[in-house]
Amino acid sequence: MELLAKAPVLGCAGKMQRQRQRGSALGRWICRAVAPPRVRLRDGRHLAYAESGASKEDARFKVVFSHGFTGSRLDTVRPAPEVAEELGVYMVGFDRAGYGQSDPNPNRSVKSAALDVEELADALGLGPKFYVIGISLGCHAVWGALKYIPDRIAGAAMMAPVVNYWWPGFPPELAAEVYAKQEVGDQWALRVSHHAPGILHWWMEQSWLPTSTVVATTPLPNERDAEIRSKMKADGTFQQKREQATQQGIHESYYRDMTVMFGKWEFDPMALPEPPCPVHLWQGDEDGLVPVVLQRYLAGKIGWINYHELPGTGHFLSSVPGLGDNVLRTLFSDKQ
């Protein structure tokens, strides 16, 4: 694991560059002008949220959705409206701390993400138990919920959950081998996030340094995912999502997300005790951002994970036709 352990030596001087918001001023004004509902947390912060599916009063199942990297409260598993109504599923997505119109949390962590989920559920009156669904990097909130508030969770689903190469449960040789196959820019972005989070903002703003393929506009390593993002950029969706997500600044949203996900965790997911609820995990076998070999290892080591591998599929699972319906039907299968 020497490659992972080598933190970069940088001779940088001066202050960190201030974030320069990209995109039209009009687009940002519209995002702020249409204010979403928000709840106030115990520490005074606010979380913005968006509801979908069946009405909360009539719903049989209540779900909190944790969006992924670059996402927002508007993201969902994209079920067909008739399926959500048939099952009686109420869903609430929220801007995670520092995203969209939710206040930043300078002390953000995996634990704080889980507690934000719990406080949101309580503020909205979702009851003593509720379901959680996470996608991509947002799944750290699901892992946190299984660790810190397991008795509140009725069931959990993770879609293409991002892994941390430094989780102790991964064999060092395997983690290093897979890490070395990632794009050079992604390797450096992860390395800085883990070993030197204090300079990540500076690092990511330097055009001459290797950087994350997810944050930058460079092609993604997987052909399927690259095609999807290319279409999103062509129709303006990519820029709209970026403007929606980074209203509190790119440091508080994107970069702090990276330091939480790839930093030093207080626990290893592979060492968690079995929770008192079913847990499902979906993973594409052609995911170029989350290596399937590590996901298979994790699922094999955690006996209580229900693992679903999707052939010929990349990282953007929300674009897979019918998958949102399948996720909901699977999650609630023992309750129907």
C-alpha atoms as a PDB file:
ATOM      1  CA  MET A   1       0.000   0.000   0.000  1.00  0.00           C
ATOM      2  CA  GLU A   2       2.988   2.319  -0.364  1.00  0.00           C
ATOM      3  CA  LEU A   3       1.353   4.090  -3.285  1.00  0.00           C
ATOM      4  CA  LEU A   4      -1.631   5.000  -1.153  1.00  0.00           C
ATOM      5  CA  ALA A   5       0.498   6.072   1.790  1.00  0.00           C
ATOM      6  CA  LYS A   6       2.593   8.647  -0.052  1.00  0.00           C
ATOM      7  CA  ALA A   7       1.120  12.026   0.677  1.00  0.00           C
ATOM      8  CA  PRO A   8       2.163  14.712  -1.844  1.00  0.00           C
ATOM      9  CA  VAL A   9       4.878  17.154  -0.874  1.00  0.00           C
ATOM     10  CA  LEU A  10       3.831  20.578  -2.009  1.00  0.00           C
ATOM     11  CA  GLY A  11       5.739  23.807  -1.900  1.00  0.00           C
ATOM     12  CA  CYS A  12       2.776  26.144  -2.180  1.00  0.00           C
ATOM     13  CA  ALA A  13       2.583  29.685  -0.908  1.00  0.00           C
ATOM     14  CA  GLY A  14      -0.110  32.268  -0.605  1.00  0.00           C
ATOM     15  CA  LYS A  15      -3.742  32.000   0.248  1.00  0.00           C
ATOM     16  CA  MET A  16      -6.154  29.491  -1.190  1.00  0.00           C
ATOM     17  CA  GLN A  17      -7.992  30.759  -4.199  1.00  0.00           C
ATOM     18  CA  ARG A  18     -11.584  31.750  -3.618  1.00  0.00           C
ATOM     19  CA  GLN A  19     -14.206  29.675  -5.339  1.00  0.00           C
ATOM     20  CA  ARG A  20     -15.368  31.200  -8.609  1.00  0.00           C
ATOM     21  CA  GLN A  21     -18.893  30.172  -9.321  1.00  0.00           C
ATOM     22  CA  ARG A  22     -19.348  29.023 -12.897  1.00  0.00           C
ATOM     23  CA  GLY A  23     -22.427  29.384 -15.002  1.00  0.00           C
ATOM     24  CA  SER A  24     -24.932  32.148 -15.535  1.00  0.00           C
ATOM     25  CA  ALA A  25     -25.847  34.556 -12.772  1.00  0.00           C
ATOM     26  CA  LEU A  26     -29.451  34.207 -13.845  1.00  0.00           C
ATOM     27  CA  GLY A  27     -29.405  30.447 -13.279  1.00  0.00           C
ATOM     28  CA  ARG A  28     -28.045  30.851  -9.761  1.00  0.00           C
ATOM     29  CA  TRP A  29     -30.591  33.579  -8.975  1.00  0.00           C
ATOM     30  CA  ILE A  30     -33.444  31.322 -10.046  1.00  0.00           C
ATOM     31  CA  CYS A  31     -32.136  28.469  -7.861  1.00  0.00           C
ATOM     32  CA  ARG A  32     -32.093  30.731  -4.812  1.00  0.00           C
ATOM     33  CA  ALA A  33     -35.326  32.568  -5.596  1.00  0.00           C
ATOM     34  CA  VAL A  34     -37.426  29.400  -5.618  1.00  0.00           C
ATOM     35  CA  ALA A  35     -36.850  28.579  -1.959  1.00  0.00           C
ATOM     36  CA  PRO A  36     -37.525  24.943  -0.969  1.00  0.00           C
ATOM     37  CA  PRO A  37     -38.921  23.928   2.428  1.00  0.00           C
ATOM     38  CA  ARG A  38     -36.277  23.534   5.119  1.00  0.00           C
ATOM     39  CA  VAL A  39     -36.063  22.083   8.618  1.00  0.00           C
ATOM     40  CA  ARG A  40     -34.005  23.535  11.461  1.00  0.00           C
ATOM     41  CA  LEU A  41     -31.583  21.187  13.210  1.00  0.00           C
ATOM     42  CA  ARG A  42     -30.521  21.225  16.850  1.00  0.00           C
ATOM     43  CA  ASP A  43     -27.252  22.974  16.049  1.00  0.00           C
ATOM     44  CA  GLY A  44     -29.064  25.765  14.204  1.00  0.00           C
ATOM     45  CA  ARG A  45     -28.318  24.584  10.667  1.00  0.00           C
ATOM     46  CA  HIS A  46     -31.073  24.107   8.102  1.00  0.00           C
ATOM     47  CA  LEU A  47     -31.617  21.247   5.657  1.00  0.00           C
ATOM     48  CA  ALA A  48     -33.550  21.834   2.446  1.00  0.00           C
ATOM     49  CA  TYR A  49     -35.703  18.961   1.254  1.00  0.00           C
ATOM     50  CA  ALA A  50     -38.060  17.829  -1.516  1.00  0.00           C
ATOM     51  CA  GLU A  51     -40.864  15.280  -1.251  1.00  0.00           C
ATOM     52  CA  SER A  52     -42.108  12.823  -3.865  1.00  0.00           C
ATOM     53  CA  GLY A  53     -44.165   9.666  -4.221  1.00  0.00           C
ATOM     54  CA  ALA A  54     -47.274   8.988  -2.169  1.00  0.00           C
ATOM     55  CA  SER A  55     -48.498  11.519   0.374  1.00  0.00           C
ATOM     56  CA  LYS A  56     -46.855  11.243   3.766  1.00  0.00           C
ATOM     57  CA  GLU A  57     -50.219  10.765   5.473  1.00  0.00           C
ATOM     58  CA  ASP A  58     -51.251   7.839   3.249  1.00  0.00           C
ATOM     59  CA  ALA A  59     -47.846   6.180   2.776  1.00  0.00           C
ATOM     60  CA  ARG A  60     -47.089   2.674   4.020  1.00  0.00           C
ATOM     61  CA  PHE A  61     -43.352   3.201   3.676  1.00  0.00           C
ATOM     62  CA  LYS A  62     -41.341   6.344   4.368  1.00  0.00           C
ATOM     63  CA  VAL A  63     -37.916   6.748   2.753  1.00  0.00           C
ATOM     64  CA  VAL A  64     -35.087   9.255   3.237  1.00  0.00           C
ATOM     65  CA  PHE A  65     -32.913   9.511   0.116  1.00  0.00           C
ATOM     66  CA  SER A  66     -29.239  10.559   0.299  1.00  0.00           C
ATOM     67  CA  HIS A  67     -28.050  12.004  -3.007  1.00  0.00           C
ATOM     68  CA  GLY A  68     -24.649  11.348  -4.528  1.00  0.00           C
ATOM     69  CA  PHE A  69     -21.654  13.502  -5.354  1.00  0.00           C
ATOM     70  CA  THR A  70     -22.741  16.612  -7.332  1.00  0.00           C
ATOM     71  CA  GLY A  71     -26.415  15.780  -6.587  1.00  0.00           C
ATOM     72  CA  SER A  72     -29.204  17.517  -4.720  1.00  0.00           C
ATOM     73  CA  ARG A  73     -32.522  17.094  -2.928  1.00  0.00           C
ATOM     74  CA  LEU A  74     -34.188  16.732  -6.331  1.00  0.00           C
ATOM     75  CA  ASP A  75     -32.522  13.366  -7.000  1.00  0.00           C
ATOM     76  CA  THR A  76     -34.497  10.164  -6.447  1.00  0.00           C
ATOM     77  CA  VAL A  77     -34.334   6.491  -7.420  1.00  0.00           C
ATOM     78  CA  ARG A  78     -36.647   7.497 -10.290  1.00  0.00           C
ATOM     79  CA  PRO A  79     -39.470   5.024  -9.791  1.00  0.00           C
ATOM     80  CA  ALA A  80     -42.511   5.184 -12.032  1.00  0.00           C
ATOM     81  CA  PRO A  81     -45.106   7.378 -10.284  1.00  0.00           C
ATOM     82  CA  GLU A  82     -47.673   4.604 -10.486  1.00  0.00           C
ATOM     83  CA  VAL A  83     -45.271   2.186  -8.768  1.00  0.00           C
ATOM     84  CA  ALA A  84     -44.638   4.596  -5.887  1.00  0.00           C
ATOM     85  CA  GLU A  85     -48.381   5.068  -5.503  1.00  0.00           C
ATOM     86  CA  GLU A  86     -49.093   1.338  -5.757  1.00  0.00           C
ATOM     87  CA  LEU A  87     -46.562   0.500  -3.050  1.00  0.00           C
ATOM     88  CA  GLY A  88     -47.483   3.512  -0.958  1.00  0.00           C
ATOM     89  CA  VAL A  89     -43.981   4.972  -0.814  1.00  0.00           C
ATOM     90  CA  TYR A  90     -43.308   8.495   0.436  1.00  0.00           C
ATOM     91  CA  MET A  91     -39.790   9.717  -0.348  1.00  0.00           C
ATOM     92  CA  VAL A  92     -37.917  12.758   0.854  1.00  0.00           C
ATOM     93  CA  GLY A  93     -34.615  13.820  -0.632  1.00  0.00           C
ATOM     94  CA  PHE A  94     -32.509  16.510   1.007  1.00  0.00           C
ATOM     95  CA  ASP A  95     -29.545  18.679   0.161  1.00  0.00           C
ATOM     96  CA  ARG A  96     -26.795  17.155   2.259  1.00  0.00           C
ATOM     97  CA  ALA A  97     -24.889  19.652   4.432  1.00  0.00           C
ATOM     98  CA  GLY A  98     -23.168  22.263   2.254  1.00  0.00           C
ATOM     99  CA  TYR A  99     -25.109  21.290  -0.854  1.00  0.00           C
ATOM    100  CA  GLY A 100     -27.865  23.259  -2.580  1.00  0.00           C
ATOM    101  CA  GLN A 101     -29.756  25.289  -0.007  1.00  0.00           C
ATOM    102  CA  SER A 102     -28.692  23.360   3.079  1.00  0.00           C
ATOM    103  CA  ASP A 103     -26.309  25.124   5.436  1.00  0.00           C
ATOM    104  CA  PRO A 104     -22.673  24.005   5.496  1.00  0.00           C
ATOM    105  CA  ASN A 105     -21.291  21.981   8.382  1.00  0.00           C
ATOM    106  CA  PRO A 106     -17.560  22.626   8.903  1.00  0.00           C
ATOM    107  CA  ASN A 107     -17.466  19.544  11.132  1.00  0.00           C
ATOM    108  CA  ARG A 108     -19.138  17.272   8.621  1.00  0.00           C
ATOM    109  CA  SER A 109     -18.422  13.550   9.047  1.00  0.00           C
ATOM    110  CA  VAL A 110     -19.972  10.169   8.367  1.00  0.00           C
ATOM    111  CA  LYS A 111     -21.625  10.356  11.783  1.00  0.00           C
ATOM    112  CA  SER A 112     -23.029  13.842  11.244  1.00  0.00           C
ATOM    113  CA  ALA A 113     -24.495  12.704   7.911  1.00  0.00           C
ATOM    114  CA  ALA A 114     -26.361   9.895   9.685  1.00  0.00           C
ATOM    115  CA  LEU A 115     -27.599  12.212  12.419  1.00  0.00           C
ATOM    116  CA  ASP A 116     -28.809  14.705   9.804  1.00  0.00           C
ATOM    117  CA  VAL A 117     -30.902  11.899   8.304  1.00  0.00           C
ATOM    118  CA  GLU A 118     -32.354  11.104  11.724  1.00  0.00           C
ATOM    119  CA  GLU A 119     -33.148  14.737  12.542  1.00  0.00           C
ATOM    120  CA  LEU A 120     -34.793  15.262   9.163  1.00  0.00           C
ATOM    121  CA  ALA A 121     -36.945  12.165   9.665  1.00  0.00           C
ATOM    122  CA  ASP A 122     -37.988  13.332  13.128  1.00  0.00           C
ATOM    123  CA  ALA A 123     -38.727  16.877  11.971  1.00  0.00           C
ATOM    124  CA  LEU A 124     -41.009  15.505   9.252  1.00  0.00           C
ATOM    125  CA  GLY A 125     -42.676  13.003  11.576  1.00  0.00           C
ATOM    126  CA  LEU A 126     -41.649   9.843   9.729  1.00  0.00           C
ATOM    127  CA  GLY A 127     -42.102   7.694  12.812  1.00  0.00           C
ATOM    128  CA  PRO A 128     -39.842   5.527  14.990  1.00  0.00           C
ATOM    129  CA  LYS A 129     -38.509   3.619  11.964  1.00  0.00           C
ATOM    130  CA  PHE A 130     -37.954   4.651   8.359  1.00  0.00           C
ATOM    131  CA  TYR A 131     -36.054   3.452   5.287  1.00  0.00           C
ATOM    132  CA  VAL A 132     -32.863   4.930   3.849  1.00  0.00           C
ATOM    133  CA  ILE A 133     -31.627   4.818   0.274  1.00  0.00           C
ATOM    134  CA  GLY A 134     -28.312   6.208  -0.859  1.00  0.00           C
ATOM    135  CA  ILE A 135     -26.640   6.517  -4.223  1.00  0.00           C
ATOM    136  CA  SER A 136     -22.932   6.681  -5.049  1.00  0.00           C
ATOM    137  CA  LEU A 137     -20.952   8.811  -2.568  1.00  0.00           C
ATOM    138  CA  GLY A 138     -24.150   9.629  -0.677  1.00  0.00           C
ATOM    139  CA  CYS A 139     -24.138   6.066   0.628  1.00  0.00           C
ATOM    140  CA  HIS A 140     -21.728   7.117   3.372  1.00  0.00           C
ATOM    141  CA  ALA A 141     -24.843   8.444   5.129  1.00  0.00           C
ATOM    142  CA  VAL A 142     -26.404   4.971   4.854  1.00  0.00           C
ATOM    143  CA  TRP A 143     -23.309   3.287   6.294  1.00  0.00           C
ATOM    144  CA  GLY A 144     -23.392   5.914   9.050  1.00  0.00           C
ATOM    145  CA  ALA A 145     -27.052   5.189   9.750  1.00  0.00           C
ATOM    146  CA  LEU A 146     -26.315   1.466  10.060  1.00  0.00           C
ATOM    147  CA  LYS A 147     -23.526   2.301  12.506  1.00  0.00           C
ATOM    148  CA  TYR A 148     -24.994   5.101  14.620  1.00  0.00           C
ATOM    149  CA  ILE A 149     -28.796   4.782  14.416  1.00  0.00           C
ATOM    150  CA  PRO A 150     -29.479   1.132  13.436  1.00  0.00           C
ATOM    151  CA  ASP A 151     -32.600   0.899  15.613  1.00  0.00           C
ATOM    152  CA  ARG A 152     -34.241   3.685  13.570  1.00  0.00           C
ATOM    153  CA  ILE A 153     -33.737   1.961  10.217  1.00  0.00           C
ATOM    154  CA  ALA A 154     -36.463  -0.327   8.817  1.00  0.00           C
ATOM    155  CA  GLY A 155     -34.431  -1.176   5.712  1.00  0.00           C
ATOM    156  CA  ALA A 156     -31.590   0.205   3.605  1.00  0.00           C
ATOM    157  CA  ALA A 157     -30.562   0.240  -0.040  1.00  0.00           C
ATOM    158  CA  MET A 158     -27.288   1.410  -1.573  1.00  0.00           C
ATOM    159  CA  MET A 159     -26.862   2.024  -5.289  1.00  0.00           C
ATOM    160  CA  ALA A 160     -23.275   1.919  -6.593  1.00  0.00           C
ATOM    161  CA  PRO A 161     -21.905   2.945  -3.172  1.00  0.00           C
ATOM    162  CA  VAL A 162     -18.476   4.557  -3.344  1.00  0.00           C
ATOM    163  CA  VAL A 163     -15.782   2.680  -1.431  1.00  0.00           C
ATOM    164  CA  ASN A 164     -12.875   4.004   0.603  1.00  0.00           C
ATOM    165  CA  TYR A 165      -9.622   2.313  -0.431  1.00  0.00           C
ATOM    166  CA  TRP A 166      -8.333   2.755   3.116  1.00  0.00           C
ATOM    167  CA  TRP A 167     -11.041   0.732   4.862  1.00  0.00           C
ATOM    168  CA  PRO A 168      -9.112  -1.838   6.961  1.00  0.00           C
ATOM    169  CA  GLY A 169     -11.320  -4.686   5.780  1.00  0.00           C
ATOM    170  CA  PHE A 170      -9.862  -4.575   2.272  1.00  0.00           C
ATOM    171  CA  PRO A 171      -6.700  -6.671   1.762  1.00  0.00           C
ATOM    172  CA  PRO A 172      -3.890  -4.105   1.264  1.00  0.00           C
ATOM    173  CA  GLU A 173      -2.604  -5.810  -1.884  1.00  0.00           C
ATOM    174  CA  LEU A 174      -6.029  -5.877  -3.509  1.00  0.00           C
ATOM    175  CA  ALA A 175      -6.805  -2.267  -2.640  1.00  0.00           C
ATOM    176  CA  ALA A 176      -3.440  -1.079  -3.967  1.00  0.00           C
ATOM    177  CA  GLU A 177      -3.806  -3.087  -7.170  1.00  0.00           C
ATOM    178  CA  VAL A 178      -7.250  -1.690  -7.937  1.00  0.00           C
ATOM    179  CA  TYR A 179      -6.276   1.825  -6.886  1.00  0.00           C
ATOM    180  CA  ALA A 180      -3.375   1.765  -9.343  1.00  0.00           C
ATOM    181  CA  LYS A 181      -5.791   1.062 -12.198  1.00  0.00           C
ATOM    182  CA  GLN A 182      -7.752   4.271 -11.619  1.00  0.00           C
ATOM    183  CA  GLU A 183      -7.128   7.364 -13.710  1.00  0.00           C
ATOM    184  CA  VAL A 184      -4.038   9.246 -12.522  1.00  0.00           C
ATOM    185  CA  GLY A 185      -6.090  12.343 -11.698  1.00  0.00           C
ATOM    186  CA  ASP A 186      -8.506  10.291  -9.610  1.00  0.00           C
ATOM    187  CA  GLN A 187      -5.629   8.640  -7.760  1.00  0.00           C
ATOM    188  CA  TRP A 188      -4.231  12.029  -6.789  1.00  0.00           C
ATOM    189  CA  ALA A 189      -7.621  13.466  -5.833  1.00  0.00           C
ATOM    190  CA  LEU A 190      -8.252  10.515  -3.517  1.00  0.00           C
ATOM    191  CA  ARG A 191      -4.725  10.603  -2.107  1.00  0.00           C
ATOM    192  CA  VAL A 192      -4.959  14.302  -1.254  1.00  0.00           C
ATOM    193  CA  SER A 193      -8.475  13.839   0.195  1.00  0.00           C
ATOM    194  CA  HIS A 194      -7.170  11.166   2.550  1.00  0.00           C
ATOM    195  CA  HIS A 195      -3.699  12.366   3.506  1.00  0.00           C
ATOM    196  CA  ALA A 196      -3.877  16.146   3.097  1.00  0.00           C
ATOM    197  CA  PRO A 197      -7.525  17.284   3.185  1.00  0.00           C
ATOM    198  CA  GLY A 198      -6.509  20.787   4.209  1.00  0.00           C
ATOM    199  CA  ILE A 199      -5.042  21.493   0.766  1.00  0.00           C
ATOM    200  CA  LEU A 200      -7.693  19.720  -1.313  1.00  0.00           C
ATOM    201  CA  HIS A 201      -9.451  22.954  -2.292  1.00  0.00           C
ATOM    202  CA  TRP A 202      -6.170  24.480  -3.450  1.00  0.00           C
ATOM    203  CA  TRP A 203      -5.181  21.307  -5.286  1.00  0.00           C
ATOM    204  CA  MET A 204      -8.470  20.956  -7.147  1.00  0.00           C
ATOM    205  CA  GLU A 205      -8.351  24.566  -8.333  1.00  0.00           C
ATOM    206  CA  GLN A 206      -4.946  24.213 -10.025  1.00  0.00           C
ATOM    207  CA  SER A 207      -5.394  23.481 -13.723  1.00  0.00           C
ATOM    208  CA  TRP A 208      -1.836  22.189 -14.023  1.00  0.00           C
ATOM    209  CA  LEU A 209      -2.296  19.445 -11.433  1.00  0.00           C
ATOM    210  CA  PRO A 210      -3.959  16.055 -12.051  1.00  0.00           C
ATOM    211  CA  THR A 211      -7.524  16.118 -10.771  1.00  0.00           C
ATOM    212  CA  SER A 212     -10.725  14.112 -10.421  1.00  0.00           C
ATOM    213  CA  THR A 213     -12.437  13.003 -13.626  1.00  0.00           C
ATOM    214  CA  VAL A 214     -15.779  13.361 -11.840  1.00  0.00           C
ATOM    215  CA  VAL A 215     -15.283  17.029 -10.920  1.00  0.00           C
ATOM    216  CA  ALA A 216     -13.482  18.000 -14.113  1.00  0.00           C
ATOM    217  CA  THR A 217     -14.946  17.895 -17.608  1.00  0.00           C
ATOM    218  CA  THR A 218     -12.509  15.206 -18.730  1.00  0.00           C
ATOM    219  CA  PRO A 219     -14.015  11.947 -20.041  1.00  0.00           C
ATOM    220  CA  LEU A 220     -15.029   9.382 -17.436  1.00  0.00           C
ATOM    221  CA  PRO A 221     -13.098   6.083 -17.478  1.00  0.00           C
ATOM    222  CA  ASN A 222     -16.155   4.009 -18.374  1.00  0.00           C
ATOM    223  CA  GLU A 223     -17.590   4.300 -21.893  1.00  0.00           C
ATOM    224  CA  ARG A 224     -21.206   3.952 -20.765  1.00  0.00           C
ATOM    225  CA  ASP A 225     -20.858   6.583 -18.061  1.00  0.00           C
ATOM    226  CA  ALA A 226     -18.906   8.895 -20.366  1.00  0.00           C
ATOM    227  CA  GLU A 227     -21.748   8.724 -22.910  1.00  0.00           C
ATOM    228  CA  ILE A 228     -24.363   9.561 -20.273  1.00  0.00           C
ATOM    229  CA  ARG A 229     -22.409  12.549 -18.980  1.00  0.00           C
ATOM    230  CA  SER A 230     -21.746  13.730 -22.547  1.00  0.00           C
ATOM    231  CA  LYS A 231     -25.500  13.850 -23.155  1.00  0.00           C
ATOM    232  CA  MET A 232     -26.019  15.687 -19.848  1.00  0.00           C
ATOM    233  CA  LYS A 233     -23.474  18.306 -20.860  1.00  0.00           C
ATOM    234  CA  ALA A 234     -25.007  18.685 -24.297  1.00  0.00           C
ATOM    235  CA  ASP A 235     -28.533  19.354 -23.022  1.00  0.00           C
ATOM    236  CA  GLY A 236     -27.412  21.580 -20.135  1.00  0.00           C
ATOM    237  CA  THR A 237     -28.311  19.137 -17.363  1.00  0.00           C
ATOM    238  CA  PHE A 238     -24.693  18.840 -16.184  1.00  0.00           C
ATOM    239  CA  GLN A 239     -24.327  22.600 -15.671  1.00  0.00           C
ATOM    240  CA  GLN A 240     -27.749  22.903 -14.044  1.00  0.00           C
ATOM    241  CA  LYS A 241     -26.919  20.161 -11.532  1.00  0.00           C
ATOM    242  CA  ARG A 242     -23.598  21.839 -10.759  1.00  0.00           C
ATOM    243  CA  GLU A 243     -25.245  25.199 -10.149  1.00  0.00           C
ATOM    244  CA  GLN A 244     -27.902  23.568  -7.967  1.00  0.00           C
ATOM    245  CA  ALA A 245     -25.345  21.648  -5.903  1.00  0.00           C
ATOM    246  CA  THR A 246     -22.707  24.335  -5.355  1.00  0.00           C
ATOM    247  CA  GLN A 247     -24.821  27.238  -4.109  1.00  0.00           C
ATOM    248  CA  GLN A 248     -22.921  27.150  -0.796  1.00  0.00           C
ATOM    249  CA  GLY A 249     -19.580  26.986  -2.624  1.00  0.00           C
ATOM    250  CA  ILE A 250     -17.750  24.107  -4.240  1.00  0.00           C
ATOM    251  CA  HIS A 251     -15.567  23.633  -1.168  1.00  0.00           C
ATOM    252  CA  GLU A 252     -18.522  23.071   1.166  1.00  0.00           C
ATOM    253  CA  SER A 253     -20.209  20.694  -1.273  1.00  0.00           C
ATOM    254  CA  TYR A 254     -17.880  18.765  -3.591  1.00  0.00           C
ATOM    255  CA  TYR A 255     -14.569  19.053  -1.781  1.00  0.00           C
ATOM    256  CA  ARG A 256     -15.816  18.505   1.746  1.00  0.00           C
ATOM    257  CA  ASP A 257     -17.711  15.485   0.414  1.00  0.00           C
ATOM    258  CA  MET A 258     -14.437  14.043  -0.837  1.00  0.00           C
ATOM    259  CA  THR A 259     -12.629  14.557   2.460  1.00  0.00           C
ATOM    260  CA  VAL A 260     -15.467  12.859   4.364  1.00  0.00           C
ATOM    261  CA  MET A 261     -15.771   9.890   2.005  1.00  0.00           C
ATOM    262  CA  PHE A 262     -12.069   9.249   1.485  1.00  0.00           C
ATOM    263  CA  GLY A 263     -10.784  10.460   4.832  1.00  0.00           C
ATOM    264  CA  LYS A 264     -10.238   8.424   7.984  1.00  0.00           C
ATOM    265  CA  TRP A 265     -13.460   6.779   9.129  1.00  0.00           C
ATOM    266  CA  GLU A 266     -14.279   6.034  12.765  1.00  0.00           C
ATOM    267  CA  PHE A 267     -15.368   2.523  11.777  1.00  0.00           C
ATOM    268  CA  ASP A 268     -14.936  -0.069   9.052  1.00  0.00           C
ATOM    269  CA  PRO A 269     -18.214  -0.994   7.306  1.00  0.00           C
ATOM    270  CA  MET A 270     -16.943  -4.548   6.966  1.00  0.00           C
ATOM    271  CA  ALA A 271     -16.749  -4.800  10.764  1.00  0.00           C
ATOM    272  CA  LEU A 272     -20.315  -3.661  11.457  1.00  0.00           C
ATOM    273  CA  PRO A 273     -22.586  -6.082  13.335  1.00  0.00           C
ATOM    274  CA  GLU A 274     -25.658  -7.293  11.496  1.00  0.00           C
ATOM    275  CA  PRO A 275     -28.335  -4.587  11.703  1.00  0.00           C
ATOM    276  CA  PRO A 276     -31.952  -5.340  12.649  1.00  0.00           C
ATOM    277  CA  CYS A 277     -33.147  -4.684   9.077  1.00  0.00           C
ATOM    278  CA  PRO A 278     -32.556  -5.880   5.512  1.00  0.00           C
ATOM    279  CA  VAL A 279     -29.781  -4.169   3.558  1.00  0.00           C
ATOM    280  CA  HIS A 280     -29.465  -4.297  -0.240  1.00  0.00           C
ATOM    281  CA  LEU A 281     -26.618  -3.188  -2.501  1.00  0.00           C
ATOM    282  CA  TRP A 282     -26.713  -2.702  -6.281  1.00  0.00           C
ATOM    283  CA  GLN A 283     -23.512  -2.512  -8.348  1.00  0.00           C
ATOM    284  CA  GLY A 284     -22.781  -2.357 -12.079  1.00  0.00           C
ATOM    285  CA  ASP A 285     -20.102  -4.758 -13.277  1.00  0.00           C
ATOM    286  CA  GLU A 286     -18.665  -2.132 -15.662  1.00  0.00           C
ATOM    287  CA  ASP A 287     -18.508   0.686 -13.129  1.00  0.00           C
ATOM    288  CA  GLY A 288     -15.362   2.671 -13.893  1.00  0.00           C
ATOM    289  CA  LEU A 289     -15.560   4.790 -10.730  1.00  0.00           C
ATOM    290  CA  VAL A 290     -16.315   2.121  -8.098  1.00  0.00           C
ATOM    291  CA  PRO A 291     -14.333  -1.034  -8.921  1.00  0.00           C
ATOM    292  CA  VAL A 292     -16.639  -4.029  -8.950  1.00  0.00           C
ATOM    293  CA  VAL A 293     -13.871  -6.258  -7.566  1.00  0.00           C
ATOM    294  CA  LEU A 294     -13.860  -4.285  -4.305  1.00  0.00           C
ATOM    295  CA  GLN A 295     -17.646  -4.255  -4.112  1.00  0.00           C
ATOM    296  CA  ARG A 296     -17.710  -8.024  -4.571  1.00  0.00           C
ATOM    297  CA  TYR A 297     -15.142  -8.437  -1.826  1.00  0.00           C
ATOM    298  CA  LEU A 298     -17.114  -6.206   0.533  1.00  0.00           C
ATOM    299  CA  ALA A 299     -20.377  -8.021  -0.166  1.00  0.00           C
ATOM    300  CA  GLY A 300     -18.690 -11.376   0.305  1.00  0.00           C
ATOM    301  CA  LYS A 301     -17.231 -10.371   3.649  1.00  0.00           C
ATOM    302  CA  ILE A 302     -20.477  -8.875   4.967  1.00  0.00           C
ATOM    303  CA  GLY A 303     -22.773 -11.863   5.159  1.00  0.00           C
ATOM    304  CA  TRP A 304     -25.916  -9.830   5.764  1.00  0.00           C
ATOM    305  CA  ILE A 305     -25.623  -7.722   2.601  1.00  0.00           C
ATOM    306  CA  ASN A 306     -28.030  -8.680  -0.192  1.00  0.00           C
ATOM    307  CA  TYR A 307     -25.828  -8.078  -3.250  1.00  0.00           C
ATOM    308  CA  HIS A 308     -27.281  -7.381  -6.693  1.00  0.00           C
ATOM    309  CA  GLU A 309     -24.814  -7.098  -9.580  1.00  0.00           C
ATOM    310  CA  LEU A 310     -26.013  -5.601 -12.848  1.00  0.00           C
ATOM    311  CA  PRO A 311     -24.273  -6.917 -16.001  1.00  0.00           C
ATOM    312  CA  GLY A 312     -23.193  -4.452 -18.653  1.00  0.00           C
ATOM    313  CA  THR A 313     -23.888  -1.503 -16.369  1.00  0.00           C
ATOM    314  CA  GLY A 314     -21.728   1.442 -15.319  1.00  0.00           C
ATOM    315  CA  HIS A 315     -21.910   3.808 -12.356  1.00  0.00           C
ATOM    316  CA  PHE A 316     -24.960   5.901 -13.223  1.00  0.00           C
ATOM    317  CA  LEU A 317     -27.579   3.456 -12.007  1.00  0.00           C
ATOM    318  CA  SER A 318     -30.359   6.039 -11.946  1.00  0.00           C
ATOM    319  CA  SER A 319     -30.327   5.889 -15.757  1.00  0.00           C
ATOM    320  CA  VAL A 320     -31.016   2.134 -15.859  1.00  0.00           C
ATOM    321  CA  PRO A 321     -34.615   1.659 -17.069  1.00  0.00           C
ATOM    322  CA  GLY A 322     -36.882   0.200 -14.399  1.00  0.00           C
ATOM    323  CA  LEU A 323     -34.191  -0.074 -11.742  1.00  0.00           C
ATOM    324  CA  GLY A 324     -35.881   2.416  -9.430  1.00  0.00           C
ATOM    325  CA  ASP A 325     -39.044   0.298  -9.479  1.00  0.00           C
ATOM    326  CA  ASN A 326     -37.002  -2.825  -8.779  1.00  0.00           C
ATOM    327  CA  VAL A 327     -35.165  -1.200  -5.867  1.00  0.00           C
ATOM    328  CA  LEU A 328     -38.418  -0.228  -4.165  1.00  0.00           C
ATOM    329  CA  ARG A 329     -40.115  -3.578  -4.784  1.00  0.00           C
ATOM    330  CA  THR A 330     -37.056  -5.418  -3.471  1.00  0.00           C
ATOM    331  CA  LEU A 331     -36.671  -3.215  -0.390  1.00  0.00           C
ATOM    332  CA  PHE A 332     -40.290  -3.698   0.623  1.00  0.00           C
ATOM    333  CA  SER A 333     -40.674  -7.296  -0.593  1.00  0.00           C
ATOM    334  CA  ASP A 334     -41.076  -8.767   2.886  1.00  0.00           C
ATOM    335  CA  LYS A 335     -43.759  -6.187   3.773  1.00  0.00           C
ATOM    336  CA  GLN A 336     -46.081  -6.643   0.807  1.00  0.00           C
END
